[in-house]
Structures are given as structure tokens and as C-alpha cells.
Amino acid sequence: MSAPVATSAFSKDNPFPAKVTENRLLNKPGSAKETRHFIVSLGDSGLSYKAGDSLGVFPSNRPVEVAEILEKLGASGDELVSPAMLKLPAPISLHEALSHKLALGSPTAKIINTLFAKATDPSDKAALGELVTPEAKEKLAGYLDEREYIDILSEYPNTKLTPQEFVDHLRKLMPRLYSIASSSKPFPNEIHLTVAVVRYTTNHRERHGVCSTFLADRVRVNETPAPVFVSNSHFGPPEDITKDAIMVGPGTGIAPFRAFVQDRVASGATGRNWVFFGDQKSHTDYLYQEEWEKYVADGKVTHLDLAWSRDQILKVYVQDKMREKGAELWSWISGGGYFFVCGDAKRMAKDVDVALHDVIVQHGAMTTEQAIEYVKQMKKDKRYQRDVY
């Protein structure tokens, strides 16, 4: 499937101020998670997308956090700054820089070194001194990992930075990419997203994922514009609609596969669909349950295998379901089926990859080396694709 010809004036460098027309919680009461379904209207943007693409969203920071930083700096927000990494034609206000241009999390060692060099207060100097010695490298890494810039400003109140000095330590606020959860065939004028809203606590402070809480809390439905752009991807359903598709997407990794199935149904694909989905609990975390069950009832999804990690004592994951169905999985793969994975790169995608190799060894009667070569060939043929993060 070739990418649609871009006719839009909007891009990453010139994002479209989109309206969010729906913000709906997907988890049921009692869930430990907050996963939301968003519908983003493309309006008259001219933006087009294909299944497998991502939507880039430029967030803004939480106003309460910006206000706290201004207070710690003893600044009004009207001060003009020129953050070097932004390469701006003219200075902007500190408030604008902190709200929309700079990331307020993930501090680096540089700010500790700067504060140590500037500190005149004995207690600040001593505490900072313990973090800047060569032996303290590991301690410093752990310290920074638990903190955002506001924590550091709060901990050394007697060592002041000027607004310009402070912004020179910050990184650029980058857009976040979300796998699109809809197909443009049934939904040409809107994009659906499946977003895990990040909220947690470190160092006795509540933390908020910048972009997930921007969408969940700060973008008002049908009011606040969210700057967006389409990011084209090589990830996508089989171009040959007669081919089978196996899709493994636990948690929010289900997003692109919702798009794939919509796309294949709309294009009359004769290839079969097999979906593996997993999350914590079946009664609270079964994302898009009604849709998946309808697809199965209508014969549009041949197999739907569900893995719930917290419904029983022994945790069950998507890779366990793959091994359980190994013989049939191999018959789909050996028959030319495509294998797709989306979601967590650190653990899930690795575990799924191991399970895929195991299935090929066991049911394809291959050695480990032969299975490795077989999977390499699948990748070359674009029959094994991953969208992991």
C-alpha cells in the first residue's frame, strides 16, 4: 500500500491545530490503569494517513508546574530568554519558553555542576559537593532519576539561577508519537488514539506524563487546539489482501491493530486476522471489547487470544498464548502469513520474539540456527514487522 500523496500544508514544522472531539476512558472502574480513547478531527487540514502511521502531538507543560518554577526562580515570567537549542530569531518570554518550548523533566548533571559552582550557602554547597565528585557518578544518576527540575530548584533555595541560566539547562520539548488506532478508509477525517495516561509518584511528588496528561487534562474537547502532524511509517498491514495477518499488541499496543483490522475489513481483504491482546484484568482492562467481539462474531477476526496477567495467581502473557497455539501459529506463518508486534520494546517485544523462535523450532522442525535464519528472512520479506517503543 503506497503512502497517500501529501497535499497538506501541515507538517512537523507547521503542525495543524486540531480539535479533539472525544476523550473517553477505556478502562472500567477498579482498573489500576488509565487508558483513554481520543478522536482527533483533521478538519480542513488536508492531512491524510494510512494504517500503521503515527500521529505526532506537540504538548504544552502543566501551568501549575510552570508557576512553581517561576516562583522558585523569583521570576515573573515576562523576562526575555533565548534558549540556545531553540535557535529562535528573537528572544521570547520565560513563561512562553517554560510553557510550550522546553522540557521540565529529566534533569542532567549539568545543572548540579552549575549550582555547585554558584552556591555560597554552606549547606547547599555541602549537599551539592557530595554529588559532583567522580566517585558519586552512580549516586548522582539515581538522584537525577528521581527528580525533575522543580525538585532541584526546591532543594537548593539559596542558590539562585537567572532565567537565562536556568533555560540553558533545559532540553527542547519534543512532540510525542502515538500509533494511530483507526483506518482512514472508514474514518478519512479523523484519527483515533489509544493513550496510556502516565501518572506516578517519585521523591514524594506526583508526576504527570507531559503529553498523555496534555491530551487527558489540558485539551478541552472541541475547544483547545492540539498541534498535530502525521508521521508516515513503514509499518502497515500486508499489501496483498489475500495474506493472513497475525497481530500481537498487549495494552496500548493494540492501537495499530484496531487500525489494521478496520483497514482490512474496509478493503475486503480475504486474508485471515488473528489478534493477540493482553492486559492486567479481563473485567477492567479489555480495551475495545465490544468491537473485538463483534469482529469475531462477524467472522472478520478468525482468532482472538486474550492474556490476563492479574486474573489468576500465575501471570499469563501474550507470548504464553502464542506457545499454547504454536502448531496453528506455525501453519499460518509457514503458509505465508505476516507477523506484527506493537508495544513495549524493553520486555514484551523481546519475549514475543523468543516465543516466535521457539514456535518455529518446535513446530517447524528446525534447529535454533535455522529458526534464526527463517525469522531473518521474514524480516527481509516484510513479513515480520515491529512498532515498539
Protein backbone atom coordinates (compact mmCIF):
# COMPACT_ATOMS: atom_id res chain seq x y z
CA MET A 1 0.00 0.00 0.00
CA SER A 2 1.71 3.19 -1.10
CA ALA A 3 1.51 6.26 1.09
CA PRO A 4 -1.13 8.81 0.11
CA VAL A 5 0.33 11.81 -1.68
CA ALA A 6 0.84 14.58 0.85
CA THR A 7 -1.23 17.57 -0.20
CA SER A 8 -1.40 19.23 3.20
CA ALA A 9 0.33 22.46 4.18
CA PHE A 10 0.69 20.98 7.67
CA SER A 11 3.74 19.05 8.86
CA LYS A 12 6.02 18.59 11.85
CA ASP A 13 7.44 22.08 11.19
CA ASN A 14 3.96 23.53 10.76
CA PRO A 15 1.58 21.42 12.89
CA PHE A 16 -2.17 21.54 12.41
CA PRO A 17 -4.13 23.00 15.38
CA ALA A 18 -6.58 20.08 15.63
CA LYS A 19 -9.65 19.79 17.79
CA VAL A 20 -10.10 16.71 19.97
CA THR A 21 -13.73 15.70 19.62
CA GLU A 22 -13.75 12.76 22.04
CA ASN A 23 -11.87 11.86 25.22
CA ARG A 24 -13.17 8.59 26.67
CA LEU A 25 -11.84 6.35 29.43
CA LEU A 26 -11.47 2.77 28.15
CA ASN A 27 -10.77 1.04 31.48
CA LYS A 28 -13.63 0.06 33.77
CA PRO A 29 -13.87 1.11 37.46
CA GLY A 30 -11.33 -0.75 39.60
CA SER A 31 -8.58 -0.76 36.99
CA ALA A 32 -5.04 0.18 38.01
CA LYS A 33 -4.65 1.87 34.61
CA GLU A 34 -5.94 4.96 32.86
CA THR A 35 -6.16 4.27 29.14
CA ARG A 36 -8.05 6.78 27.04
CA HIS A 37 -9.56 6.81 23.55
CA PHE A 38 -9.18 10.15 21.75
CA ILE A 39 -10.68 11.24 18.46
CA VAL A 40 -8.73 13.99 16.72
CA SER A 41 -10.56 15.86 13.94
CA LEU A 42 -8.49 16.54 10.82
CA GLY A 43 -10.99 19.22 9.77
CA ASP A 44 -9.87 21.03 6.63
CA SER A 45 -6.16 20.27 7.25
CA GLY A 46 -5.71 18.19 4.10
CA LEU A 47 -3.81 15.68 6.27
CA SER A 48 -4.10 12.04 5.20
CA TYR A 49 -2.84 8.87 6.83
CA LYS A 50 -2.62 5.12 6.37
CA ALA A 51 -2.91 2.21 8.80
CA GLY A 52 0.39 1.88 10.64
CA ASP A 53 1.19 5.61 10.69
CA SER A 54 1.59 7.63 13.87
CA LEU A 55 0.21 10.98 14.98
CA GLY A 56 2.71 13.46 16.37
CA VAL A 57 1.35 15.70 19.14
CA PHE A 58 3.10 18.82 20.44
CA PRO A 59 2.12 19.13 24.12
CA SER A 60 2.39 22.07 26.47
CA ASN A 61 3.55 21.79 30.09
CA ARG A 62 1.27 21.89 33.13
CA PRO A 63 0.56 25.52 34.14
CA VAL A 64 0.92 24.64 37.83
CA GLU A 65 4.45 23.34 37.23
CA VAL A 66 5.40 26.43 35.20
CA ALA A 67 4.10 28.65 38.03
CA GLU A 68 6.12 26.70 40.61
CA ILE A 69 9.32 27.09 38.62
CA LEU A 70 8.74 30.83 38.18
CA GLU A 71 8.23 31.14 41.92
CA LYS A 72 11.47 29.26 42.70
CA LEU A 73 13.40 31.42 40.23
CA GLY A 74 11.86 34.55 41.72
CA ALA A 75 10.72 35.46 38.21
CA SER A 76 7.54 36.99 36.81
CA GLY A 77 7.61 35.06 33.53
CA ASP A 78 7.88 38.26 31.47
CA GLU A 79 11.70 38.08 31.39
CA LEU A 80 13.05 37.57 27.89
CA VAL A 81 15.18 34.49 27.26
CA SER A 82 16.93 32.95 24.26
CA PRO A 83 17.26 29.19 24.85
CA ALA A 84 20.25 28.26 22.71
CA MET A 85 18.88 24.91 21.50
CA LEU A 86 15.73 26.51 20.06
CA LYS A 87 17.60 28.70 17.54
CA LEU A 88 14.88 31.36 17.74
CA PRO A 89 15.05 34.53 15.62
CA ALA A 90 14.27 36.68 18.69
CA PRO A 91 14.02 36.22 22.48
CA ILE A 92 10.73 35.01 23.94
CA SER A 93 9.20 35.37 27.38
CA LEU A 94 10.29 32.96 30.09
CA HIS A 95 6.64 31.95 30.56
CA GLU A 96 6.29 31.05 26.86
CA ALA A 97 9.58 29.09 26.92
CA LEU A 98 8.60 27.08 30.00
CA SER A 99 5.02 26.50 28.86
CA HIS A 100 5.48 25.48 25.24
CA LYS A 101 9.12 25.16 24.21
CA LEU A 102 11.18 23.41 26.89
CA ALA A 103 11.03 20.07 28.74
CA LEU A 104 10.82 20.40 32.53
CA GLY A 105 11.75 16.79 33.33
CA SER A 106 14.84 14.56 33.00
CA PRO A 107 17.44 16.91 34.52
CA THR A 108 21.10 16.30 33.66
CA ALA A 109 24.29 16.54 35.73
CA LYS A 110 24.97 19.93 34.16
CA ILE A 111 22.52 21.74 36.47
CA ILE A 112 24.11 20.19 39.57
CA ASN A 113 27.53 21.36 38.42
CA THR A 114 26.20 24.86 37.72
CA LEU A 115 24.52 25.10 41.12
CA PHE A 116 27.66 23.82 42.85
CA ALA A 117 29.76 26.48 41.10
CA LYS A 118 27.29 29.23 42.12
CA ALA A 119 26.49 28.06 45.66
CA THR A 120 27.62 30.30 48.53
CA ASP A 121 25.29 28.86 51.17
CA PRO A 122 27.30 26.28 53.20
CA SER A 123 24.52 23.66 53.37
CA ASP A 124 23.76 23.91 49.62
CA LYS A 125 27.50 23.76 48.85
CA ALA A 126 28.00 20.66 51.02
CA ALA A 127 24.96 18.78 49.65
CA LEU A 128 25.86 19.59 46.03
CA GLY A 129 29.51 18.76 46.71
CA GLU A 130 28.51 15.19 47.56
CA LEU A 131 27.01 14.80 44.08
CA VAL A 132 29.77 16.28 41.92
CA THR A 133 32.74 14.09 42.92
CA PRO A 134 33.88 11.49 40.36
CA GLU A 135 33.04 8.70 42.88
CA ALA A 136 29.43 9.93 43.13
CA LYS A 137 28.58 9.12 39.49
CA GLU A 138 26.15 6.32 40.39
CA LYS A 139 24.65 8.27 43.30
CA LEU A 140 24.12 11.29 41.01
CA ALA A 141 22.42 9.15 38.34
CA GLY A 142 19.99 7.76 40.96
CA TYR A 143 19.41 11.25 42.36
CA LEU A 144 18.56 12.73 38.94
CA ASP A 145 16.38 9.76 38.04
CA GLU A 146 14.06 10.54 40.96
CA ARG A 147 13.75 14.25 40.19
CA GLU A 148 12.52 16.90 37.80
CA TYR A 149 13.90 20.45 37.57
CA ILE A 150 11.36 21.77 40.09
CA ASP A 151 12.70 19.35 42.75
CA ILE A 152 16.25 20.59 42.27
CA LEU A 153 15.25 24.25 42.47
CA SER A 154 13.28 23.46 45.65
CA GLU A 155 16.15 21.60 47.29
CA TYR A 156 18.69 24.42 46.88
CA PRO A 157 16.57 27.52 47.54
CA ASN A 158 19.56 29.68 48.50
CA THR A 159 21.38 29.17 45.20
CA LYS A 160 19.63 31.27 42.57
CA LEU A 161 19.88 30.97 38.80
CA THR A 162 18.86 33.75 36.43
CA PRO A 163 16.04 32.88 33.98
CA GLN A 164 18.56 32.65 31.13
CA GLU A 165 20.93 30.44 33.15
CA PHE A 166 18.05 28.14 34.02
CA VAL A 167 16.64 27.72 30.50
CA ASP A 168 20.13 26.99 29.16
CA HIS A 169 19.95 23.69 31.07
CA LEU A 170 16.65 22.54 29.58
CA ARG A 171 16.07 20.37 26.56
CA LYS A 172 13.63 21.13 23.78
CA LEU A 173 10.05 19.95 24.41
CA MET A 174 9.62 17.30 21.74
CA PRO A 175 6.42 16.04 20.13
CA ARG A 176 5.21 12.58 21.16
CA LEU A 177 4.28 9.97 18.57
CA TYR A 178 1.22 7.78 19.08
CA SER A 179 0.29 4.79 16.90
CA ILE A 180 -2.92 5.64 15.06
CA ALA A 181 -5.82 3.42 16.16
CA SER A 182 -8.09 3.98 13.15
CA SER A 183 -8.10 3.42 9.39
CA SER A 184 -8.64 6.32 7.01
CA LYS A 185 -10.93 4.13 4.91
CA PRO A 186 -13.86 4.33 7.36
CA PHE A 187 -12.52 7.48 9.07
CA PRO A 188 -10.95 9.80 6.46
CA ASN A 189 -11.48 12.98 8.50
CA GLU A 190 -10.42 11.85 11.95
CA ILE A 191 -7.66 9.99 13.75
CA HIS A 192 -8.21 7.77 16.79
CA LEU A 193 -5.59 7.31 19.51
CA THR A 194 -5.28 4.81 22.39
CA VAL A 195 -3.22 6.52 25.09
CA ALA A 196 -1.99 5.26 28.45
CA VAL A 197 -2.12 8.32 30.71
CA VAL A 198 1.06 8.46 32.79
CA ARG A 199 0.73 9.44 36.45
CA TYR A 200 3.05 8.23 39.21
CA THR A 201 4.98 9.40 42.27
CA THR A 202 8.72 9.80 42.82
CA ASN A 203 10.56 11.73 45.52
CA HIS A 204 7.18 12.34 47.26
CA ARG A 205 5.91 14.28 44.26
CA GLU A 206 3.17 13.42 41.82
CA ARG A 207 4.48 13.14 38.26
CA HIS A 208 2.45 13.60 35.11
CA GLY A 209 3.36 12.35 31.64
CA VAL A 210 3.65 15.57 29.64
CA CYS A 211 1.76 14.62 26.50
CA SER A 212 -0.62 11.99 27.89
CA THR A 213 -1.91 14.41 30.56
CA PHE A 214 -1.90 17.25 28.00
CA LEU A 215 -4.45 15.24 25.99
CA ALA A 216 -6.31 13.91 29.04
CA ASP A 217 -6.47 17.04 31.22
CA ARG A 218 -5.46 20.20 29.36
CA VAL A 219 -7.04 19.81 25.93
CA ARG A 220 -10.72 20.63 26.28
CA VAL A 221 -12.97 18.66 23.95
CA ASN A 222 -13.96 20.70 20.88
CA GLU A 223 -12.16 23.75 22.29
CA THR A 224 -8.41 23.65 22.91
CA PRO A 225 -6.33 23.19 19.75
CA ALA A 226 -3.77 20.38 19.90
CA PRO A 227 -0.88 20.90 17.43
CA VAL A 228 -0.52 17.67 15.42
CA PHE A 229 1.14 16.17 12.35
CA VAL A 230 1.07 12.76 10.63
CA SER A 231 4.26 10.71 10.80
CA ASN A 232 4.40 8.17 7.98
CA SER A 233 5.59 4.68 8.83
CA HIS A 234 6.84 1.58 7.04
CA PHE A 235 4.70 -0.40 9.48
CA GLY A 236 1.43 -1.45 7.93
CA PRO A 237 -0.89 -4.34 7.04
CA PRO A 238 0.06 -6.69 4.17
CA GLU A 239 -0.27 -5.01 0.77
CA ASP A 240 -1.51 -8.35 -0.56
CA ILE A 241 -5.02 -8.58 0.89
CA THR A 242 -5.09 -12.38 0.45
CA LYS A 243 -2.34 -12.79 3.09
CA ASP A 244 -3.07 -13.74 6.69
CA ALA A 245 -2.11 -11.27 9.45
CA ILE A 246 -1.09 -12.22 12.99
CA MET A 247 -1.13 -9.18 15.30
CA VAL A 248 0.35 -9.15 18.81
CA GLY A 249 -0.49 -5.98 20.75
CA PRO A 250 -0.93 -6.02 24.51
CA GLY A 251 -2.02 -2.84 26.33
CA THR A 252 -1.94 0.25 24.12
CA GLY A 253 -0.03 -1.87 21.59
CA ILE A 254 -3.49 -2.84 20.34
CA ALA A 255 -3.88 0.62 18.74
CA PRO A 256 -2.42 -0.02 15.25
CA PHE A 257 -4.13 -3.41 15.05
CA ARG A 258 -7.52 -1.81 15.55
CA ALA A 259 -6.49 0.27 12.51
CA PHE A 260 -5.23 -2.79 10.58
CA VAL A 261 -8.46 -4.73 11.10
CA GLN A 262 -10.63 -1.72 10.17
CA ASP A 263 -8.48 -1.27 7.07
CA ARG A 264 -8.60 -4.92 6.01
CA VAL A 265 -12.36 -5.13 6.55
CA ALA A 266 -12.89 -1.92 4.53
CA SER A 267 -10.71 -3.17 1.66
CA GLY A 268 -12.42 -6.59 1.58
CA ALA A 269 -9.24 -8.48 2.48
CA THR A 270 -9.67 -12.24 2.16
CA GLY A 271 -6.63 -12.99 4.34
CA ARG A 272 -7.48 -14.06 7.88
CA ASN A 273 -6.85 -11.96 11.00
CA TRP A 274 -5.51 -13.32 14.29
CA VAL A 275 -5.27 -10.90 17.22
CA PHE A 276 -3.36 -11.46 20.48
CA PHE A 277 -4.24 -8.94 23.17
CA GLY A 278 -3.36 -8.84 26.84
CA ASP A 279 -3.56 -6.56 29.87
CA GLN A 280 -3.98 -6.85 33.63
CA LYS A 281 -7.61 -7.82 34.25
CA SER A 282 -10.32 -9.02 31.88
CA HIS A 283 -13.20 -7.18 33.59
CA THR A 284 -11.44 -3.77 33.77
CA ASP A 285 -8.77 -3.67 31.04
CA TYR A 286 -10.30 -5.31 27.96
CA LEU A 287 -9.79 -2.39 25.55
CA TYR A 288 -12.39 -2.15 22.76
CA GLN A 289 -14.06 -5.37 23.97
CA GLU A 290 -17.36 -4.84 22.09
CA GLU A 291 -15.55 -4.13 18.81
CA TRP A 292 -13.32 -7.22 19.02
CA GLU A 293 -16.20 -9.49 19.95
CA LYS A 294 -18.26 -8.18 17.03
CA TYR A 295 -15.36 -8.80 14.62
CA VAL A 296 -15.15 -12.40 15.88
CA ALA A 297 -18.94 -12.87 15.64
CA ASP A 298 -18.92 -11.46 12.08
CA GLY A 299 -16.03 -13.71 11.05
CA LYS A 300 -13.73 -10.73 10.42
CA VAL A 301 -11.27 -11.87 13.12
CA THR A 302 -10.64 -15.62 12.96
CA HIS A 303 -8.87 -15.93 16.31
CA LEU A 304 -8.81 -13.60 19.31
CA ASP A 305 -6.42 -14.79 22.03
CA LEU A 306 -6.54 -12.92 25.32
CA ALA A 307 -3.92 -12.94 28.07
CA TRP A 308 -4.72 -11.51 31.52
CA SER A 309 -1.76 -11.13 33.86
CA ARG A 310 -3.69 -10.47 37.09
CA ASP A 311 -6.78 -12.65 36.75
CA GLN A 312 -5.08 -15.67 38.32
CA ILE A 313 -2.08 -16.45 40.53
CA LEU A 314 0.22 -17.34 37.64
CA LYS A 315 0.63 -14.43 35.26
CA VAL A 316 -0.34 -15.12 31.65
CA TYR A 317 1.11 -13.03 28.82
CA VAL A 318 0.64 -12.88 25.05
CA GLN A 319 3.81 -14.94 24.47
CA ASP A 320 2.30 -17.74 26.60
CA LYS A 321 -0.77 -17.74 24.36
CA MET A 322 1.49 -17.90 21.28
CA ARG A 323 3.23 -21.02 22.60
CA GLU A 324 -0.12 -22.56 23.54
CA LYS A 325 -1.34 -22.12 19.95
CA GLY A 326 2.08 -22.89 18.45
CA ALA A 327 1.01 -25.55 15.93
CA GLU A 328 -1.66 -23.37 14.33
CA LEU A 329 0.54 -20.28 14.56
CA TRP A 330 3.21 -22.10 12.59
CA SER A 331 0.66 -23.20 9.97
CA TRP A 332 -0.31 -19.54 9.42
CA ILE A 333 3.33 -18.39 9.27
CA SER A 334 4.53 -21.24 7.04
CA GLY A 335 1.57 -20.52 4.77
CA GLY A 336 2.89 -17.01 4.11
CA GLY A 337 1.22 -15.18 6.99
CA TYR A 338 2.52 -11.85 8.27
CA PHE A 339 3.53 -11.36 11.92
CA PHE A 340 3.18 -7.95 13.61
CA VAL A 341 4.11 -6.77 17.11
CA CYS A 342 3.38 -3.43 18.77
CA GLY A 343 4.11 -2.18 22.28
CA ASP A 344 6.80 -2.24 24.94
CA ALA A 345 10.29 -2.73 23.47
CA LYS A 346 12.10 -3.50 26.71
CA ARG A 347 10.35 -6.70 27.71
CA MET A 348 7.23 -7.66 25.79
CA ALA A 349 8.68 -7.42 22.28
CA LYS A 350 11.76 -9.42 23.31
CA ASP A 351 9.62 -12.11 24.97
CA VAL A 352 7.37 -12.32 21.91
CA ASP A 353 10.43 -12.63 19.65
CA VAL A 354 11.76 -15.52 21.77
CA ALA A 355 8.34 -17.21 21.64
CA LEU A 356 8.21 -16.81 17.85
CA HIS A 357 11.60 -18.51 17.50
CA ASP A 358 10.50 -21.27 19.90
CA VAL A 359 7.32 -21.92 17.90
CA ILE A 360 9.32 -22.17 14.66
CA VAL A 361 11.84 -24.58 16.23
CA GLN A 362 9.16 -26.79 17.76
CA HIS A 363 6.54 -26.83 15.05
CA GLY A 364 8.67 -26.12 12.01
CA ALA A 365 11.07 -28.93 12.95
CA MET A 366 14.07 -26.60 12.70
CA THR A 367 17.26 -26.12 14.66
CA THR A 368 17.72 -22.88 16.60
CA GLU A 369 20.10 -21.66 13.86
CA GLN A 370 17.59 -22.47 11.10
CA ALA A 371 14.83 -20.67 13.01
CA ILE A 372 17.06 -17.59 13.36
CA GLU A 373 17.64 -17.61 9.57
CA TYR A 374 13.92 -18.15 8.91
CA VAL A 375 12.99 -15.12 11.07
CA LYS A 376 15.67 -13.02 9.36
CA GLN A 377 14.12 -13.89 6.01
CA MET A 378 10.65 -13.00 7.35
CA LYS A 379 12.02 -9.55 8.27
CA LYS A 380 13.60 -9.11 4.82
CA ASP A 381 10.29 -10.04 3.21
CA LYS A 382 8.48 -7.55 5.50
CA ARG A 383 6.53 -10.48 6.94
CA TYR A 384 7.76 -9.69 10.47
CA GLN A 385 7.24 -6.06 11.43
CA ARG A 386 7.51 -4.32 14.78
CA ASP A 387 6.35 -0.97 16.09
CA VAL A 388 7.95 -0.90 19.54
CA TYR A 389 8.75 1.88 21.94
